[in-house]
Amino acid sequence: MRRNIICLLLLGLLGTALSAQSPDALNFPQPQYVNPIFDSFTRNYMSTSAMGRGYTGLAIPGGVDNVLKNPAGYHPDKASLHLEMLVKPPVESDIYAMADTSVYYRMTKENMLSPVPVGIVGGGGTIGPNFTYGLLYSMPKSIKVDNFGVEVNMGYGLIMRYPSFFLNQLTANAAWHKDNFHVGLNLHNQIYHLGDVTFLRSFERIISDKYVLRPQLGLLYSGESLSAGLSMVPQQNVNWDLKFAQYDTRLPLSLALGVAYNKNNAVFTAEVDYEQCSAISDAFKDRYTFHAGLEKTIRRYTYRAGYIYHPQVWEGDFLIPDACSDTISIWWAAVLPQGRVGKNNQHILTLGTSWNHPDVRVNLSGLIDVAGQAPIAQVSLSADLFFSAFKRKNFLYFD
């Protein structure tokens, strides 16, 4: 008799939960934070110099870090080592804190963090008169959520989870240069690390690593006053098996086109990035991101400024993946089975500077969203140490 009563109670609570779900709520086509709807925070802007000028660099030959923008964009005077650090302040989110407390346990607001400060570690140089090479480690996306909690034992206990996603990337680059024409290829060895993946009705901690090899082709024409660059990453099929959910999905096609105009030692840049997010889900829009930037060098210093428009691909209610039969703990019935992503268009302003020396170049840049729909800020600091410095008698000599 007691068992029947408990089952009826669980069915009643489940019915209440289902009736509260939005009929158009999204089932994630990819593991939660891999989805492009969270790019407004997960995306890290790699390359300090590119970030300072509105995250442009497709049409500007630069240091080894520039190959992440355009595989043909590395044009070194000499071999170098590049080290880059970044900091992103936590952003408070309320994607779960929307429950009616008369029915559901109210989820606390969570902080989205980017706890790993490493941006890029890498180096590169020349092979003969026409070829360059580069090898870099970077982290294009990262997030750790503090926290997703489930109340148990009549509120006297709390099961804590810290969902995370880190995209680790090791890039091998090779490029050919002839006069004003440049062709390059990146091979991105990517490891998608998922930690504490969120599932309803399961107390199991799901951790997963997925390796993906993604090529990137780049073209660059560098004229005296006008330059143009193109980059492409093809669409790729990928799948995840996370025990309670299987995802057979795609990583979208990415195309980017940029131009640069040089006049009186000042460079004006404009770029557009295209991501075919609709290939992931019919609910997603394709994304066109617009960039504009300015760079001017005065003696040892380079000054940069820029703007980024990063539009949303989706907003609305989503369903939290459900482990279903893993447990019938009554405490899960008080967790709202869905969350919400609000408007997340971003208008971002950037500033940056570099100090140039024959032995080393130090770069500092920052960006901040000024629209307020999806707040984000990032500060990056990097240094290029030229290997030729170790052959000089007067290392870091100031004249």
Protein backbone atom coordinates (compact mmCIF):
# COMPACT_ATOMS: atom_id res chain seq x y z
CA MET A 1 0.00 0.00 0.00
CA ARG A 2 2.79 2.43 0.96
CA ARG A 3 4.60 1.68 -2.32
CA ASN A 4 1.47 2.48 -4.35
CA ILE A 5 1.01 5.79 -2.55
CA ILE A 6 4.64 6.80 -3.23
CA CYS A 7 4.29 5.91 -6.93
CA LEU A 8 1.05 7.92 -7.20
CA LEU A 9 2.74 10.88 -5.51
CA LEU A 10 5.68 10.71 -7.92
CA LEU A 11 3.34 10.50 -10.92
CA GLY A 12 1.43 13.51 -9.67
CA LEU A 13 4.59 15.57 -9.25
CA LEU A 14 5.86 14.46 -12.66
CA GLY A 15 2.55 15.49 -14.23
CA THR A 16 2.85 18.92 -12.62
CA ALA A 17 6.37 19.25 -13.99
CA LEU A 18 5.35 18.25 -17.51
CA SER A 19 2.43 20.66 -17.53
CA ALA A 20 4.83 23.49 -16.62
CA GLN A 21 7.14 22.79 -19.55
CA SER A 22 7.01 25.16 -22.47
CA PRO A 23 5.59 23.35 -25.53
CA ASP A 24 8.36 24.87 -27.68
CA ALA A 25 11.20 24.18 -25.24
CA LEU A 26 14.48 23.18 -26.91
CA ASN A 27 16.03 19.75 -26.54
CA PHE A 28 19.77 20.35 -26.70
CA PRO A 29 21.22 19.11 -30.02
CA GLN A 30 24.69 19.06 -28.41
CA PRO A 31 25.97 18.73 -24.83
CA GLN A 32 24.69 21.80 -23.03
CA TYR A 33 27.54 24.32 -23.04
CA VAL A 34 28.91 23.13 -26.38
CA ASN A 35 25.81 24.64 -28.02
CA PRO A 36 26.41 28.03 -29.72
CA ILE A 37 23.58 29.60 -27.66
CA PHE A 38 26.13 29.93 -24.83
CA ASP A 39 28.93 31.42 -26.96
CA SER A 40 28.28 34.86 -25.50
CA PHE A 41 30.29 33.72 -22.47
CA THR A 42 32.11 30.51 -23.43
CA ARG A 43 34.03 32.09 -26.31
CA ASN A 44 37.53 33.33 -25.49
CA TYR A 45 39.05 35.93 -27.81
CA MET A 46 42.46 34.51 -28.69
CA SER A 47 45.32 36.82 -29.82
CA THR A 48 45.77 39.98 -27.78
CA SER A 49 46.66 42.16 -30.75
CA ALA A 50 43.64 40.99 -32.80
CA MET A 51 41.32 41.52 -29.83
CA GLY A 52 42.45 45.13 -29.39
CA ARG A 53 41.39 46.08 -32.91
CA GLY A 54 37.90 44.53 -32.77
CA TYR A 55 39.21 40.98 -33.07
CA THR A 56 40.36 41.50 -36.65
CA GLY A 57 43.45 40.03 -38.30
CA LEU A 58 42.35 38.18 -41.43
CA ALA A 59 43.95 40.75 -43.72
CA ILE A 60 46.93 41.78 -41.56
CA PRO A 61 50.16 39.74 -41.48
CA GLY A 62 51.22 39.38 -37.85
CA GLY A 63 52.78 37.20 -35.19
CA VAL A 64 52.36 33.48 -34.70
CA ASP A 65 49.17 34.04 -32.67
CA ASN A 66 47.58 35.52 -35.82
CA VAL A 67 47.34 32.06 -37.43
CA LEU A 68 44.28 31.41 -35.24
CA LYS A 69 42.55 34.18 -37.23
CA ASN A 70 44.07 33.34 -40.62
CA PRO A 71 46.39 30.36 -41.23
CA ALA A 72 48.12 32.44 -43.94
CA GLY A 73 48.55 35.44 -41.63
CA TYR A 74 51.89 34.56 -39.98
CA HIS A 75 54.66 36.63 -41.56
CA PRO A 76 57.55 36.78 -39.09
CA ASP A 77 60.70 38.84 -39.33
CA LYS A 78 62.26 36.25 -37.03
CA ALA A 79 61.32 33.15 -35.02
CA SER A 80 59.52 33.84 -31.74
CA LEU A 81 57.84 32.37 -28.66
CA HIS A 82 54.34 33.65 -27.85
CA LEU A 83 52.86 33.56 -24.33
CA GLU A 84 49.34 34.87 -23.62
CA MET A 85 47.21 35.09 -20.48
CA LEU A 86 43.57 36.16 -20.21
CA VAL A 87 41.13 37.01 -17.44
CA LYS A 88 37.32 37.07 -17.66
CA PRO A 89 35.35 38.32 -14.63
CA PRO A 90 32.51 36.02 -13.45
CA VAL A 91 29.08 36.69 -14.93
CA GLU A 92 25.93 36.07 -12.87
CA SER A 93 23.31 34.01 -14.70
CA ASP A 94 19.73 33.05 -13.82
CA ILE A 95 18.96 30.46 -16.51
CA TYR A 96 17.66 28.08 -13.78
CA ALA A 97 16.42 30.60 -11.17
CA MET A 98 12.90 30.92 -12.56
CA ALA A 99 10.84 28.42 -10.61
CA ASP A 100 7.52 28.99 -8.84
CA THR A 101 8.51 28.27 -5.22
CA SER A 102 5.03 26.99 -4.38
CA VAL A 103 5.75 23.99 -6.65
CA TYR A 104 9.50 23.87 -7.30
CA TYR A 105 12.73 24.32 -5.40
CA ARG A 106 14.10 27.70 -6.47
CA MET A 107 17.52 27.31 -8.03
CA THR A 108 19.99 29.93 -6.90
CA LYS A 109 21.56 32.25 -9.45
CA GLU A 110 24.79 30.76 -10.72
CA ASN A 111 28.10 32.33 -11.67
CA MET A 112 29.66 31.53 -15.03
CA LEU A 113 33.42 31.39 -14.62
CA SER A 114 36.45 31.02 -16.87
CA PRO A 115 38.95 29.72 -14.30
CA VAL A 116 41.89 28.84 -16.60
CA PRO A 117 43.94 31.99 -17.36
CA VAL A 118 46.04 30.45 -20.16
CA GLY A 119 45.23 31.90 -23.58
CA ILE A 120 48.00 30.82 -25.97
CA VAL A 121 51.38 29.15 -25.64
CA GLY A 122 53.24 28.64 -28.88
CA GLY A 123 56.01 29.54 -31.26
CA GLY A 124 56.99 29.59 -34.90
CA GLY A 125 59.48 30.68 -37.50
CA THR A 126 60.57 30.36 -41.12
CA ILE A 127 61.73 27.48 -43.30
CA GLY A 128 63.63 28.88 -46.23
CA PRO A 129 62.50 32.04 -48.04
CA ASN A 130 58.87 31.03 -48.68
CA PHE A 131 57.58 28.87 -45.82
CA THR A 132 56.57 29.47 -42.21
CA TYR A 133 55.52 27.10 -39.44
CA GLY A 134 53.79 27.42 -36.08
CA LEU A 135 52.72 25.24 -33.17
CA LEU A 136 50.30 26.61 -30.56
CA TYR A 137 48.19 25.49 -27.62
CA SER A 138 45.06 27.57 -26.99
CA MET A 139 41.66 27.39 -25.30
CA PRO A 140 39.03 28.94 -27.62
CA LYS A 141 36.10 28.14 -25.28
CA SER A 142 35.77 27.62 -21.55
CA ILE A 143 33.13 27.76 -18.81
CA LYS A 144 32.60 26.48 -15.31
CA VAL A 145 29.21 27.03 -13.66
CA ASP A 146 29.08 27.68 -9.92
CA ASN A 147 26.73 25.90 -9.31
CA PHE A 148 23.81 23.56 -10.10
CA GLY A 149 22.32 22.36 -6.77
CA VAL A 150 19.54 19.95 -5.80
CA GLU A 151 17.91 20.22 -2.38
CA VAL A 152 17.44 16.90 -0.51
CA ASN A 153 16.20 15.71 2.91
CA MET A 154 13.55 18.41 3.29
CA GLY A 155 16.06 21.15 2.63
CA TYR A 156 18.70 19.96 5.09
CA GLY A 157 21.05 18.76 2.35
CA LEU A 158 22.22 20.00 -1.03
CA ILE A 159 23.72 17.99 -3.90
CA MET A 160 26.16 20.29 -5.68
CA ARG A 161 27.32 20.05 -9.28
CA TYR A 162 29.75 22.31 -11.16
CA PRO A 163 29.09 21.82 -14.90
CA SER A 164 32.07 22.73 -17.07
CA PHE A 165 33.26 22.75 -20.66
CA PHE A 166 36.84 23.33 -21.80
CA LEU A 167 37.89 23.24 -25.44
CA ASN A 168 41.62 22.45 -25.50
CA GLN A 169 43.27 23.01 -28.88
CA LEU A 170 46.72 22.16 -30.23
CA THR A 171 47.27 23.79 -33.62
CA ALA A 172 49.90 22.89 -36.21
CA ASN A 173 50.33 25.57 -38.89
CA ALA A 174 52.16 25.71 -42.20
CA ALA A 175 52.04 28.50 -44.77
CA TRP A 176 53.52 29.41 -48.14
CA HIS A 177 54.37 33.01 -49.04
CA LYS A 178 55.21 34.45 -52.45
CA ASP A 179 55.39 38.21 -52.93
CA ASN A 180 51.90 39.52 -51.99
CA PHE A 181 50.18 36.13 -51.90
CA HIS A 182 49.98 33.82 -48.90
CA VAL A 183 48.31 30.41 -48.40
CA GLY A 184 48.12 28.63 -45.03
CA LEU A 185 46.69 25.55 -43.36
CA ASN A 186 45.91 24.86 -39.70
CA LEU A 187 45.28 21.43 -38.24
CA HIS A 188 43.38 21.97 -34.98
CA ASN A 189 43.64 18.98 -32.65
CA GLN A 190 40.70 19.66 -30.35
CA ILE A 191 39.76 17.95 -27.09
CA TYR A 192 36.25 18.75 -25.82
CA HIS A 193 36.35 18.20 -22.06
CA LEU A 194 32.93 18.05 -20.35
CA GLY A 195 32.71 17.88 -16.57
CA ASP A 196 29.72 17.34 -14.26
CA VAL A 197 27.31 17.26 -17.20
CA THR A 198 23.83 18.25 -15.95
CA PHE A 199 21.16 15.51 -15.92
CA LEU A 200 17.89 15.39 -14.05
CA ARG A 201 17.20 12.41 -11.77
CA SER A 202 20.79 11.25 -11.51
CA PHE A 203 23.42 11.80 -8.85
CA GLU A 204 26.14 10.31 -11.06
CA ARG A 205 28.97 12.60 -12.14
CA ILE A 206 29.38 12.42 -15.91
CA ILE A 207 32.80 13.36 -17.32
CA SER A 208 33.67 13.04 -21.01
CA ASP A 209 36.55 13.84 -23.38
CA LYS A 210 36.14 13.97 -27.15
CA TYR A 211 38.92 14.34 -29.73
CA VAL A 212 38.17 16.11 -33.02
CA LEU A 213 40.58 17.05 -35.83
CA ARG A 214 39.47 20.22 -37.63
CA PRO A 215 41.30 21.74 -40.62
CA GLN A 216 41.30 25.47 -41.37
CA LEU A 217 42.33 27.00 -44.71
CA GLY A 218 43.50 30.59 -45.04
CA LEU A 219 44.27 32.94 -47.95
CA LEU A 220 45.81 36.40 -47.79
CA TYR A 221 46.65 39.09 -50.31
CA SER A 222 48.81 41.84 -48.80
CA GLY A 223 49.06 44.98 -50.92
CA GLU A 224 50.79 48.25 -50.14
CA SER A 225 47.58 49.99 -49.14
CA LEU A 226 44.81 47.40 -49.50
CA SER A 227 44.83 43.81 -48.24
CA ALA A 228 42.24 41.04 -48.08
CA GLY A 229 42.01 37.73 -46.25
CA LEU A 230 39.77 34.65 -46.19
CA SER A 231 39.47 31.77 -43.74
CA MET A 232 37.34 28.61 -43.78
CA VAL A 233 36.68 25.73 -41.37
CA PRO A 234 34.47 23.05 -42.97
CA GLN A 235 31.46 21.43 -41.31
CA GLN A 236 32.20 18.21 -39.46
CA ASN A 237 30.08 15.40 -38.05
CA VAL A 238 30.66 14.46 -34.42
CA ASN A 239 28.87 12.42 -31.78
CA TRP A 240 28.84 12.17 -27.99
CA ASP A 241 27.71 9.24 -25.84
CA LEU A 242 27.16 10.58 -22.32
CA LYS A 243 25.44 7.45 -20.90
CA PHE A 244 22.08 9.16 -20.34
CA ALA A 245 22.09 11.03 -23.67
CA GLN A 246 23.53 10.47 -27.13
CA TYR A 247 24.20 13.36 -29.51
CA ASP A 248 24.71 12.80 -33.25
CA THR A 249 25.44 16.32 -34.38
CA ARG A 250 27.66 18.64 -36.41
CA LEU A 251 30.29 21.26 -35.79
CA PRO A 252 29.24 24.06 -38.15
CA LEU A 253 30.89 25.50 -41.23
CA SER A 254 32.74 28.75 -40.47
CA LEU A 255 33.70 31.34 -43.08
CA ALA A 256 35.42 34.67 -42.49
CA LEU A 257 36.28 37.50 -44.89
CA GLY A 258 38.29 40.62 -44.05
CA VAL A 259 39.87 43.68 -45.62
CA ALA A 260 42.48 46.13 -44.36
CA TYR A 261 43.43 49.60 -45.61
CA ASN A 262 46.82 51.10 -44.73
CA LYS A 263 47.38 54.84 -44.90
CA ASN A 264 50.01 56.99 -43.15
CA ASN A 265 51.03 54.17 -40.80
CA ALA A 266 47.41 53.63 -39.71
CA VAL A 267 45.49 50.46 -40.55
CA PHE A 268 41.69 50.29 -40.83
CA THR A 269 40.13 46.82 -40.75
CA ALA A 270 36.67 45.32 -41.33
CA GLU A 271 35.59 41.68 -41.18
CA VAL A 272 32.52 39.47 -41.21
CA ASP A 273 32.35 35.94 -39.77
CA TYR A 274 29.69 33.43 -40.81
CA GLU A 275 28.73 30.36 -38.74
CA GLN A 276 26.16 27.92 -40.15
CA CYS A 277 24.49 27.26 -36.79
CA SER A 278 21.30 26.10 -38.53
CA ALA A 279 23.22 22.91 -39.42
CA ILE A 280 23.19 22.06 -35.70
CA SER A 281 19.46 22.65 -35.19
CA ASP A 282 16.61 24.07 -37.23
CA ALA A 283 15.82 26.20 -34.18
CA PHE A 284 19.13 28.08 -34.51
CA LYS A 285 19.80 31.01 -36.82
CA ASP A 286 22.98 31.30 -38.83
CA ARG A 287 25.29 33.86 -37.22
CA TYR A 288 26.95 36.83 -38.94
CA THR A 289 29.45 38.55 -36.65
CA PHE A 290 30.78 41.96 -37.71
CA HIS A 291 34.14 43.43 -36.70
CA ALA A 292 35.78 46.82 -37.26
CA GLY A 293 39.14 48.02 -36.02
CA LEU A 294 41.86 50.65 -36.14
CA GLU A 295 45.59 50.32 -35.47
CA LYS A 296 48.30 52.99 -35.52
CA THR A 297 52.00 52.74 -34.66
CA ILE A 298 53.89 55.72 -33.22
CA ARG A 299 57.57 55.00 -32.60
CA ARG A 300 57.78 52.05 -30.16
CA TYR A 301 54.04 51.93 -29.42
CA THR A 302 51.05 50.58 -31.32
CA TYR A 303 47.54 51.70 -30.35
CA ARG A 304 44.35 49.81 -31.21
CA ALA A 305 40.58 50.21 -30.94
CA GLY A 306 37.64 48.28 -32.31
CA TYR A 307 34.04 47.13 -32.24
CA ILE A 308 32.33 43.69 -32.44
CA TYR A 309 28.68 42.92 -33.09
CA HIS A 310 28.06 39.33 -31.93
CA PRO A 311 24.39 38.40 -32.52
CA GLN A 312 22.43 35.67 -30.81
CA VAL A 313 21.42 32.50 -32.64
CA TRP A 314 18.54 31.57 -30.32
CA GLU A 315 16.59 32.58 -27.21
CA GLY A 316 13.90 30.74 -25.29
CA ASP A 317 13.23 27.82 -22.93
CA PHE A 318 15.30 24.65 -22.98
CA LEU A 319 14.79 21.24 -21.37
CA ILE A 320 17.39 19.89 -18.98
CA PRO A 321 18.48 16.40 -20.18
CA ASP A 322 16.79 13.69 -18.14
CA ALA A 323 18.44 10.48 -16.91
CA CYS A 324 14.90 9.05 -16.50
CA SER A 325 15.21 5.67 -14.84
CA ASP A 326 18.52 6.22 -13.07
CA THR A 327 16.78 7.18 -9.83
CA ILE A 328 13.22 7.87 -8.64
CA SER A 329 14.33 10.05 -5.73
CA ILE A 330 11.37 12.22 -4.75
CA TRP A 331 13.67 15.23 -4.33
CA TRP A 332 14.14 15.57 -8.08
CA ALA A 333 10.43 16.32 -8.45
CA ALA A 334 11.07 19.75 -6.94
CA VAL A 335 13.60 20.73 -9.64
CA LEU A 336 12.17 22.66 -12.58
CA PRO A 337 12.94 20.53 -15.66
CA GLN A 338 13.82 23.48 -17.86
CA GLY A 339 15.79 26.70 -18.00
CA ARG A 340 15.78 29.83 -20.10
CA VAL A 341 18.26 31.68 -22.29
CA GLY A 342 17.28 35.31 -22.68
CA LYS A 343 18.27 37.82 -25.34
CA ASN A 344 22.03 37.65 -25.85
CA ASN A 345 23.03 40.03 -28.62
CA GLN A 346 26.36 41.68 -27.84
CA HIS A 347 27.86 45.04 -28.80
CA ILE A 348 31.49 44.92 -27.72
CA LEU A 349 34.09 47.71 -27.58
CA THR A 350 37.81 46.88 -27.56
CA LEU A 351 41.06 48.74 -26.81
CA GLY A 352 44.67 47.61 -26.97
CA THR A 353 48.31 48.63 -27.14
CA SER A 354 51.72 47.10 -27.82
CA TRP A 355 55.25 48.02 -26.82
CA ASN A 356 57.71 47.06 -29.54
CA HIS A 357 61.38 46.24 -28.93
CA PRO A 358 63.92 44.36 -31.10
CA ASP A 359 63.99 41.56 -28.49
CA VAL A 360 60.38 41.42 -27.26
CA ARG A 361 56.89 42.73 -27.99
CA VAL A 362 54.39 43.16 -25.13
CA ASN A 363 50.65 43.41 -25.90
CA LEU A 364 47.73 44.42 -23.69
CA SER A 365 44.05 44.47 -24.71
CA GLY A 366 40.61 44.60 -23.15
CA LEU A 367 37.00 44.30 -24.26
CA ILE A 368 33.59 44.88 -22.69
CA ASP A 369 29.99 44.41 -23.80
CA VAL A 370 28.01 47.66 -23.68
CA ALA A 371 24.57 46.32 -24.65
CA GLY A 372 23.85 44.60 -21.32
CA GLN A 373 21.89 41.61 -22.68
CA ALA A 374 24.80 39.19 -22.25
CA PRO A 375 27.53 40.88 -20.20
CA ILE A 376 31.12 39.91 -20.92
CA ALA A 377 34.55 41.41 -20.28
CA GLN A 378 38.04 40.13 -20.99
CA VAL A 379 41.58 41.39 -20.41
CA SER A 380 44.49 39.77 -22.23
CA LEU A 381 48.25 40.21 -21.79
CA SER A 382 50.79 38.61 -24.09
CA ALA A 383 54.47 38.74 -24.99
CA ASP A 384 56.42 37.72 -28.09
CA LEU A 385 60.01 36.82 -27.27
CA PHE A 386 62.23 36.69 -30.35
CA PHE A 387 64.76 33.86 -30.35
CA SER A 388 67.32 36.19 -31.93
CA ALA A 389 67.43 38.05 -28.61
CA PHE A 390 69.53 35.27 -27.09
CA LYS A 391 72.26 35.92 -29.68
CA ARG A 392 72.52 39.62 -28.86
CA LYS A 393 75.09 40.94 -26.45
CA ASN A 394 72.75 43.62 -25.18
CA PHE A 395 69.50 41.79 -24.42
CA LEU A 396 66.61 44.27 -23.94
CA TYR A 397 69.02 47.11 -24.61
CA PHE A 398 67.37 50.54 -24.67
CA ASP A 399 68.74 53.15 -27.02
